[in-house]
N, C-alpha and C. Protein backbone atom coordinates (compact mmCIF):
# COMPACT_ATOMS: atom_id res chain seq x y z
N MET A 1 3.61 -7.30 -15.59
CA MET A 1 3.08 -8.55 -16.07
C MET A 1 2.96 -9.52 -14.90
N LEU A 2 1.84 -10.19 -14.80
CA LEU A 2 1.61 -11.18 -13.77
C LEU A 2 2.14 -12.54 -14.23
N ILE A 3 2.85 -13.23 -13.34
CA ILE A 3 3.39 -14.56 -13.64
C ILE A 3 2.88 -15.53 -12.59
N THR A 4 2.31 -16.64 -13.04
CA THR A 4 1.77 -17.66 -12.14
C THR A 4 2.84 -18.73 -11.90
N ASN A 5 2.99 -19.15 -10.64
CA ASN A 5 3.96 -20.18 -10.26
C ASN A 5 3.25 -21.30 -9.50
N GLU A 6 3.71 -22.54 -9.68
CA GLU A 6 3.19 -23.69 -8.93
C GLU A 6 4.36 -24.46 -8.36
N TYR A 7 4.20 -24.92 -7.12
CA TYR A 7 5.23 -25.68 -6.43
C TYR A 7 4.59 -26.88 -5.74
N PHE A 8 5.41 -27.86 -5.43
CA PHE A 8 4.96 -29.02 -4.66
C PHE A 8 3.71 -29.66 -5.27
N GLU A 9 3.84 -29.99 -6.56
CA GLU A 9 2.76 -30.66 -7.31
C GLU A 9 1.45 -29.87 -7.26
N GLY A 10 1.56 -28.54 -7.31
CA GLY A 10 0.38 -27.68 -7.34
C GLY A 10 -0.23 -27.38 -5.99
N LYS A 11 0.39 -27.83 -4.90
CA LYS A 11 -0.16 -27.59 -3.56
C LYS A 11 0.13 -26.19 -3.06
N VAL A 12 1.11 -25.52 -3.68
CA VAL A 12 1.42 -24.12 -3.38
C VAL A 12 1.39 -23.38 -4.72
N LYS A 13 0.60 -22.31 -4.79
CA LYS A 13 0.49 -21.54 -6.01
C LYS A 13 0.64 -20.06 -5.68
N SER A 14 1.29 -19.33 -6.58
CA SER A 14 1.45 -17.90 -6.35
C SER A 14 1.41 -17.14 -7.66
N ILE A 15 1.16 -15.85 -7.53
CA ILE A 15 1.18 -14.94 -8.67
C ILE A 15 2.19 -13.84 -8.33
N SER A 16 3.17 -13.65 -9.22
CA SER A 16 4.18 -12.62 -9.03
C SER A 16 3.67 -11.29 -9.58
N LEU A 17 3.99 -10.23 -8.85
CA LEU A 17 3.59 -8.90 -9.29
C LEU A 17 4.57 -7.87 -8.74
N THR A 18 4.47 -6.65 -9.26
CA THR A 18 5.28 -5.56 -8.74
C THR A 18 4.34 -4.61 -8.01
N THR A 19 4.64 -4.33 -6.74
CA THR A 19 3.81 -3.46 -5.92
C THR A 19 4.56 -2.16 -5.65
N SER A 20 3.90 -1.25 -4.96
CA SER A 20 4.56 0.01 -4.58
C SER A 20 5.72 -0.25 -3.62
N GLU A 21 5.72 -1.43 -2.98
CA GLU A 21 6.80 -1.81 -2.06
C GLU A 21 7.86 -2.67 -2.74
N GLY A 22 7.70 -2.91 -4.04
CA GLY A 22 8.67 -3.72 -4.78
C GLY A 22 8.08 -5.04 -5.22
N PRO A 23 8.95 -5.97 -5.67
CA PRO A 23 8.48 -7.26 -6.15
C PRO A 23 7.79 -8.05 -5.02
N ALA A 24 6.75 -8.80 -5.40
CA ALA A 24 6.01 -9.57 -4.41
C ALA A 24 5.34 -10.76 -5.07
N THR A 25 4.90 -11.70 -4.24
CA THR A 25 4.02 -12.78 -4.70
C THR A 25 2.84 -12.85 -3.75
N VAL A 26 1.70 -13.17 -4.31
CA VAL A 26 0.50 -13.43 -3.55
C VAL A 26 0.19 -14.90 -3.78
N GLY A 27 0.00 -15.66 -2.69
CA GLY A 27 -0.15 -17.09 -2.90
C GLY A 27 -1.06 -17.78 -1.92
N VAL A 28 -1.24 -19.08 -2.20
CA VAL A 28 -2.04 -19.96 -1.36
C VAL A 28 -1.29 -21.27 -1.16
N MET A 29 -1.56 -21.90 -0.01
CA MET A 29 -0.98 -23.21 0.31
C MET A 29 -2.07 -24.14 0.78
N GLU A 30 -2.02 -25.37 0.29
CA GLU A 30 -2.87 -26.41 0.84
C GLU A 30 -2.24 -26.89 2.14
N LYS A 31 -3.02 -27.57 2.95
CA LYS A 31 -2.51 -28.17 4.17
C LYS A 31 -1.34 -29.08 3.81
N GLY A 32 -0.22 -28.96 4.54
CA GLY A 32 0.95 -29.80 4.27
C GLY A 32 2.22 -29.21 4.82
N GLU A 33 3.32 -29.92 4.57
CA GLU A 33 4.64 -29.50 5.02
C GLU A 33 5.49 -29.18 3.80
N TYR A 34 6.21 -28.04 3.86
CA TYR A 34 6.98 -27.56 2.72
C TYR A 34 8.32 -27.00 3.17
N GLN A 35 9.30 -27.07 2.27
CA GLN A 35 10.59 -26.44 2.53
C GLN A 35 10.87 -25.47 1.37
N PHE A 36 11.20 -24.24 1.72
CA PHE A 36 11.47 -23.20 0.74
C PHE A 36 12.90 -22.71 0.87
N SER A 37 13.45 -22.22 -0.23
CA SER A 37 14.77 -21.59 -0.24
C SER A 37 14.62 -20.17 -0.75
N THR A 38 15.47 -19.29 -0.27
CA THR A 38 15.40 -17.88 -0.67
C THR A 38 16.59 -17.50 -1.55
N THR A 39 16.38 -16.53 -2.42
CA THR A 39 17.49 -15.93 -3.17
C THR A 39 17.64 -14.46 -2.80
N LYS A 40 16.57 -13.90 -2.21
CA LYS A 40 16.57 -12.53 -1.70
C LYS A 40 15.94 -12.56 -0.31
N LYS A 41 16.09 -11.49 0.44
CA LYS A 41 15.40 -11.37 1.72
C LYS A 41 13.90 -11.40 1.43
N GLU A 42 13.16 -12.17 2.22
CA GLU A 42 11.72 -12.28 2.05
C GLU A 42 11.00 -11.88 3.33
N ILE A 43 9.94 -11.12 3.17
CA ILE A 43 9.05 -10.78 4.28
C ILE A 43 7.70 -11.35 3.92
N MET A 44 7.26 -12.35 4.67
CA MET A 44 6.00 -13.03 4.37
C MET A 44 4.95 -12.67 5.41
N ILE A 45 3.79 -12.26 4.92
CA ILE A 45 2.65 -11.92 5.77
C ILE A 45 1.54 -12.93 5.51
N VAL A 46 1.09 -13.60 6.55
CA VAL A 46 -0.03 -14.54 6.42
C VAL A 46 -1.31 -13.70 6.34
N THR A 47 -2.12 -13.94 5.31
CA THR A 47 -3.34 -13.14 5.12
C THR A 47 -4.60 -13.92 5.47
N SER A 48 -4.50 -15.25 5.57
CA SER A 48 -5.59 -16.07 6.10
C SER A 48 -5.01 -17.40 6.55
N GLY A 49 -5.65 -18.01 7.54
CA GLY A 49 -5.14 -19.27 8.08
C GLY A 49 -3.98 -19.03 9.01
N ARG A 50 -3.14 -20.06 9.15
CA ARG A 50 -1.93 -19.93 9.97
C ARG A 50 -0.88 -20.91 9.51
N LEU A 51 0.36 -20.55 9.76
CA LEU A 51 1.51 -21.37 9.39
C LEU A 51 2.39 -21.60 10.60
N LYS A 52 2.98 -22.78 10.67
CA LYS A 52 4.08 -23.01 11.59
C LYS A 52 5.35 -22.88 10.77
N VAL A 53 6.30 -22.08 11.26
CA VAL A 53 7.51 -21.79 10.50
C VAL A 53 8.73 -22.12 11.36
N LYS A 54 9.66 -22.86 10.77
CA LYS A 54 10.96 -23.09 11.43
C LYS A 54 12.00 -22.32 10.64
N LEU A 55 12.46 -21.24 11.24
CA LEU A 55 13.40 -20.34 10.59
C LEU A 55 14.82 -20.89 10.65
N PRO A 56 15.69 -20.45 9.76
CA PRO A 56 17.08 -20.93 9.74
C PRO A 56 17.75 -20.75 11.10
N GLY A 57 18.44 -21.80 11.55
CA GLY A 57 19.15 -21.75 12.82
C GLY A 57 18.29 -22.00 14.04
N LYS A 58 16.99 -22.17 13.86
CA LYS A 58 16.08 -22.42 14.99
C LYS A 58 15.72 -23.90 15.04
N GLU A 59 15.46 -24.40 16.25
CA GLU A 59 15.08 -25.80 16.42
C GLU A 59 13.58 -25.99 16.52
N LYS A 60 12.86 -24.94 16.91
CA LYS A 60 11.42 -25.05 17.12
C LYS A 60 10.65 -24.24 16.08
N TYR A 61 9.44 -24.69 15.83
CA TYR A 61 8.54 -23.97 14.95
C TYR A 61 7.87 -22.83 15.71
N LYS A 62 7.56 -21.76 14.99
CA LYS A 62 6.83 -20.62 15.53
C LYS A 62 5.53 -20.50 14.73
N THR A 63 4.41 -20.30 15.40
CA THR A 63 3.12 -20.17 14.72
C THR A 63 2.90 -18.73 14.28
N ILE A 64 2.59 -18.56 13.00
CA ILE A 64 2.31 -17.24 12.43
C ILE A 64 0.84 -17.24 12.03
N VAL A 65 0.07 -16.31 12.60
CA VAL A 65 -1.37 -16.24 12.34
C VAL A 65 -1.68 -15.09 11.39
N LYS A 66 -2.93 -15.00 11.01
CA LYS A 66 -3.40 -13.96 10.08
C LYS A 66 -2.90 -12.58 10.50
N ASN A 67 -2.41 -11.83 9.53
CA ASN A 67 -1.91 -10.46 9.68
C ASN A 67 -0.59 -10.37 10.44
N ARG A 68 0.09 -11.49 10.64
CA ARG A 68 1.42 -11.49 11.25
C ARG A 68 2.44 -11.86 10.19
N SER A 69 3.69 -11.50 10.42
CA SER A 69 4.72 -11.73 9.40
C SER A 69 5.97 -12.35 10.00
N PHE A 70 6.82 -12.80 9.10
CA PHE A 70 8.17 -13.25 9.47
C PHE A 70 9.08 -12.92 8.30
N GLN A 71 10.39 -12.91 8.57
CA GLN A 71 11.33 -12.64 7.49
C GLN A 71 12.44 -13.68 7.47
N VAL A 72 12.95 -13.91 6.28
CA VAL A 72 14.05 -14.84 6.07
C VAL A 72 15.05 -14.14 5.15
N TYR A 73 16.32 -14.20 5.52
CA TYR A 73 17.35 -13.54 4.71
C TYR A 73 17.68 -14.35 3.47
N GLU A 74 18.41 -13.73 2.54
CA GLU A 74 18.74 -14.38 1.28
C GLU A 74 19.62 -15.61 1.48
N ASN A 75 19.49 -16.54 0.53
CA ASN A 75 20.27 -17.78 0.49
C ASN A 75 20.10 -18.64 1.74
N LYS A 76 18.87 -18.71 2.23
CA LYS A 76 18.53 -19.53 3.39
C LYS A 76 17.41 -20.50 3.03
N THR A 77 17.25 -21.51 3.85
CA THR A 77 16.16 -22.49 3.69
C THR A 77 15.33 -22.45 4.96
N PHE A 78 14.00 -22.55 4.80
CA PHE A 78 13.12 -22.58 5.96
C PHE A 78 11.98 -23.57 5.72
N ASP A 79 11.45 -24.10 6.82
CA ASP A 79 10.38 -25.10 6.76
C ASP A 79 9.06 -24.49 7.20
N VAL A 80 7.98 -24.95 6.56
CA VAL A 80 6.64 -24.44 6.83
C VAL A 80 5.69 -25.62 6.97
N ILE A 81 4.82 -25.54 7.96
CA ILE A 81 3.70 -26.47 8.07
C ILE A 81 2.42 -25.66 7.99
N ALA A 82 1.63 -25.91 6.96
CA ALA A 82 0.31 -25.28 6.84
C ALA A 82 -0.68 -26.23 7.49
N GLU A 83 -1.23 -25.83 8.62
CA GLU A 83 -2.17 -26.68 9.36
C GLU A 83 -3.56 -26.65 8.74
N GLU A 84 -3.77 -25.70 7.86
CA GLU A 84 -5.03 -25.54 7.13
C GLU A 84 -4.70 -24.77 5.86
N GLU A 85 -5.62 -24.71 4.92
CA GLU A 85 -5.37 -23.89 3.74
C GLU A 85 -5.14 -22.45 4.19
N CYS A 86 -4.18 -21.80 3.57
CA CYS A 86 -3.86 -20.44 3.99
C CYS A 86 -3.42 -19.61 2.77
N SER A 87 -3.36 -18.31 2.98
CA SER A 87 -2.90 -17.40 1.93
C SER A 87 -1.86 -16.46 2.53
N TYR A 88 -1.07 -15.86 1.61
CA TYR A 88 0.02 -15.00 2.06
C TYR A 88 0.36 -13.99 0.98
N ILE A 89 1.11 -12.97 1.40
CA ILE A 89 1.80 -12.09 0.46
C ILE A 89 3.26 -12.06 0.92
N CYS A 90 4.15 -12.15 -0.05
CA CYS A 90 5.57 -12.19 0.24
C CYS A 90 6.27 -11.07 -0.53
N TYR A 91 6.99 -10.22 0.19
CA TYR A 91 7.75 -9.12 -0.42
C TYR A 91 9.22 -9.54 -0.49
N TYR A 92 9.86 -9.19 -1.60
CA TYR A 92 11.27 -9.52 -1.83
C TYR A 92 12.09 -8.25 -1.78
N LYS A 93 13.10 -8.23 -0.93
CA LYS A 93 13.93 -7.02 -0.74
C LYS A 93 15.35 -7.25 -1.20
């Protein structure tokens, strides 16, 4: 079953699904700054656009471009700056 989610007053939207690799979300972000928290390990792949990501314990942002990924472990918080509208797929492990 597909489940639709909205965050940050609708500026981030995703659809939850089960893939051959396990649970995942496919989503989009409007230009803006966001803070996310994890409950499971997440592997996020940018599928269009680019994101600046500040991972837990880091002081600087890292730019993630199309077809590149990053991971965040469970029970962590991370910051994201979408410099343009972008899309992603996120796998939960």
